Amino acid sequence: MRHRAMVVLQKTQRPVQFEITETTRESARTWLEHSGGGLNEYVFPSCLSAKAHLSTRQYARLLDQWVQAVGLIPGEYGTHSLHRTKVAMIYKRTGNIRAVQILLGHTKLDSTVRYLGVDVEDALALSEATDL
């Protein structure tokens, strides 16, 4: 199983690469063994038809159920908030907004800044933490 994959974003039609962690690869292997899916079948088939893939809406409903099952509030977690979690962590750890821009597939840095909610305080904190 690959360590990286690529998807084409629906909104922008731009390709974006992402890593597949070892834990995710192991879970995917287990799922594929369990489901018995072949190379010409969807990894996550639709709840309505085995000939279609799991829809975004179906995934969102599943996510709500998973979040609730672990005792969290479904309204506070969603597909979009989980999408931004890792890049927000990368930005906080490194301050590298260009890397985050690439990972998100944004063409404009302004979009990334708005997406992360970066403000003057963040910029000043990074500046103060850097000695010359």
Protein backbone atom coordinates (compact mmCIF):
# COMPACT_ATOMS: atom_id res chain seq x y z
CA MET A 1 0.00 0.00 0.00
CA ARG A 2 1.30 3.44 -0.87
CA HIS A 3 2.57 5.96 1.66
CA ARG A 4 1.02 8.86 -0.28
CA ALA A 5 -2.06 9.39 -2.38
CA MET A 6 -3.57 12.15 -4.48
CA VAL A 7 -7.10 13.42 -4.82
CA VAL A 8 -8.61 16.05 -7.06
CA LEU A 9 -10.50 18.64 -5.05
CA GLN A 10 -14.10 19.04 -6.21
CA LYS A 11 -14.21 22.77 -5.58
CA THR A 12 -11.06 23.73 -7.51
CA GLN A 13 -10.38 20.62 -9.63
CA ARG A 14 -6.77 20.81 -8.39
CA PRO A 15 -4.79 17.71 -7.35
CA VAL A 16 -3.62 17.56 -3.73
CA GLN A 17 -1.25 14.96 -2.28
CA PHE A 18 -1.54 13.59 1.24
CA GLU A 19 0.20 11.01 3.38
CA ILE A 20 -1.32 7.70 4.41
CA THR A 21 -0.05 6.93 7.89
CA GLU A 22 0.99 3.44 8.94
CA THR A 23 -2.08 3.18 11.18
CA THR A 24 -4.32 4.13 8.28
CA ARG A 25 -2.59 1.70 5.93
CA GLU A 26 -3.03 -1.12 8.45
CA SER A 27 -6.72 -0.23 8.93
CA ALA A 28 -7.22 -0.15 5.17
CA ARG A 29 -5.54 -3.55 4.77
CA THR A 30 -7.82 -5.00 7.46
CA TRP A 31 -10.89 -3.43 5.83
CA LEU A 32 -9.96 -4.75 2.37
CA GLU A 33 -9.39 -8.26 3.75
CA HIS A 34 -12.73 -8.08 5.59
CA SER A 35 -14.73 -6.68 2.67
CA GLY A 36 -13.16 -8.97 0.07
CA GLY A 37 -13.15 -6.12 -2.45
CA GLY A 38 -11.31 -6.43 -5.73
CA LEU A 39 -9.27 -3.98 -7.77
CA ASN A 40 -12.32 -2.96 -9.84
CA GLU A 41 -14.54 -2.22 -6.86
CA TYR A 42 -14.85 0.82 -4.64
CA VAL A 43 -12.97 0.58 -1.35
CA PHE A 44 -15.95 2.21 0.38
CA PRO A 45 -19.11 1.25 -1.50
CA SER A 46 -22.33 3.20 -1.20
CA CYS A 47 -24.80 2.24 1.50
CA LEU A 48 -27.42 2.17 -1.27
CA SER A 49 -25.63 0.39 -4.11
CA ALA A 50 -22.47 -1.71 -4.34
CA LYS A 51 -21.92 -0.26 -7.82
CA ALA A 52 -21.47 3.28 -6.47
CA HIS A 53 -19.00 4.80 -3.99
CA LEU A 54 -19.81 6.10 -0.53
CA SER A 55 -21.15 9.61 -0.95
CA THR A 56 -19.92 12.66 0.93
CA ARG A 57 -23.27 12.84 2.72
CA GLN A 58 -23.13 9.16 3.72
CA TYR A 59 -19.60 9.68 5.05
CA ALA A 60 -20.74 12.73 7.04
CA ARG A 61 -23.54 10.69 8.64
CA LEU A 62 -21.08 7.93 9.55
CA LEU A 63 -18.71 10.48 11.03
CA ASP A 64 -21.52 11.88 13.18
CA GLN A 65 -22.24 8.36 14.46
CA TRP A 66 -18.55 7.70 15.23
CA VAL A 67 -18.13 11.00 17.04
CA GLN A 68 -21.25 10.33 19.10
CA ALA A 69 -20.11 6.75 19.83
CA VAL A 70 -16.95 8.03 21.53
CA GLY A 71 -18.96 10.48 23.63
CA LEU A 72 -18.31 13.70 21.74
CA ILE A 73 -20.82 16.18 20.35
CA PRO A 74 -21.39 15.52 16.62
CA GLY A 75 -22.12 19.17 15.84
CA GLU A 76 -18.61 20.12 16.96
CA TYR A 77 -16.86 17.75 14.54
CA GLY A 78 -17.30 17.32 10.82
CA THR A 79 -15.54 16.35 7.64
CA HIS A 80 -14.29 19.90 7.12
CA SER A 81 -13.00 20.46 10.66
CA LEU A 82 -11.13 17.15 10.55
CA HIS A 83 -9.65 18.11 7.17
CA ARG A 84 -8.08 21.21 8.66
CA THR A 85 -6.87 19.66 11.93
CA LYS A 86 -3.54 18.27 10.69
CA VAL A 87 -2.56 21.31 8.66
CA ALA A 88 -3.39 23.55 11.62
CA MET A 89 -1.11 21.39 13.78
CA ILE A 90 1.66 21.60 11.16
CA TYR A 91 1.34 25.37 11.05
CA LYS A 92 1.41 25.68 14.86
CA ARG A 93 4.50 23.45 15.12
CA THR A 94 6.49 24.91 12.22
CA GLY A 95 5.00 28.28 11.32
CA ASN A 96 5.45 27.25 7.68
CA ILE A 97 2.37 28.65 6.03
CA ARG A 98 3.69 27.85 2.52
CA ALA A 99 3.79 24.13 3.37
CA VAL A 100 0.21 24.35 4.63
CA GLN A 101 -0.82 26.18 1.46
CA ILE A 102 0.62 23.35 -0.66
CA LEU A 103 -1.00 20.64 1.48
CA LEU A 104 -4.40 22.32 1.18
CA GLY A 105 -4.04 22.96 -2.54
CA HIS A 106 -4.66 26.68 -2.18
CA THR A 107 -3.47 28.91 -5.02
CA LYS A 108 -3.60 32.10 -2.95
CA LEU A 109 -1.77 32.55 0.32
CA ASP A 110 -4.61 34.80 1.50
CA SER A 111 -6.97 31.81 1.33
CA THR A 112 -4.66 29.77 3.56
CA VAL A 113 -4.32 32.63 6.05
CA ARG A 114 -8.11 32.96 6.28
CA TYR A 115 -8.56 29.18 6.45
CA LEU A 116 -6.19 28.86 9.41
CA GLY A 117 -7.42 32.01 11.09
CA VAL A 118 -3.89 33.40 11.24
CA ASP A 119 -3.85 36.86 12.70
CA VAL A 120 -1.36 39.53 13.71
CA GLU A 121 -0.87 37.91 17.12
CA ASP A 122 0.20 34.63 15.48
CA ALA A 123 2.67 36.45 13.23
CA LEU A 124 4.12 38.42 16.13
CA ALA A 125 4.45 35.29 18.30
CA LEU A 126 6.41 33.57 15.52
CA SER A 127 8.58 36.65 15.10
CA GLU A 128 9.29 36.87 18.84
CA ALA A 129 10.25 33.18 18.95
CA THR A 130 12.89 33.69 16.27
CA ASP A 131 16.24 35.13 17.35
CA LEU A 132 18.74 36.55 14.91
